[in-house]
Amino acid sequence: MNCPRCGLINPESAMRCDCGWDFETNEVKASYSTRLAGSSSRALSSLRSLDWMIVIGFIAACVAVAALLDGRRMWLPLGTAWTLACIYQLHAALEKSTSGEYPITPGKAAGYHLIPVFNLFWVFSWSIQLSNWLNALNPRNHLKGRVVGSLLLIGLLLPGIGPFLTLAVLWRFKSVLREVLNREVAPPVSE
């Protein structure tokens, strides 16, 4: 559907345009972009540290897979801890960028992975919630929560390929969040 205020094409499921036009009430409200603008510098700084964490994680995953092939499993707990730290950092950036509006806290995002059996459900739960949240902020860059959850579940079950899948998914989430935070706030359109 086209926004009557700015002309942007939005998905049919959109409740509000980037410019702030609310499709349900047919009036201008605060833009999602405006809501993020005040705290985006702190969130971008968290994302820069997450960049390095993911790159180091990929290197460590290569070492871990080599050790796993040699029969040494000592790297698995370290890889798990590093991945949870990356998940924590991603959710910390979300918490900073939304001034606490994002519903999953960083501790909850990482900590629920430590609960046996529940973690299989949790992988889908947080990835779907995060996909929905980012899709609402940036409808042009659509993420599919169930696909992402499936990749993360495969990552949990296959220790050889798992770290690579998990870190790739985190990189994608981080890239979409960075795009949302870097997007300029649309200037008001005269009516």
Foldseek 3Di string as FASTA:
>chain_A
DADPFPRDDFDPPAQADQQQQGPVVRDRDDGPLNLQAVQLVVLVVLLVVLVVLLVVLVVLLVVQLVCVVVVDNVSVVVSLVSLLVSQLSNQVSVCRRNVNPQPAHSCNLSVLCPDPPSVLVSLLVVQQSLQVVLCNLPVVLHDDSVVLSVLQNVLVVDSNCNSVSSSVSSVVSSVSVNVSSPDDRDDGGDD
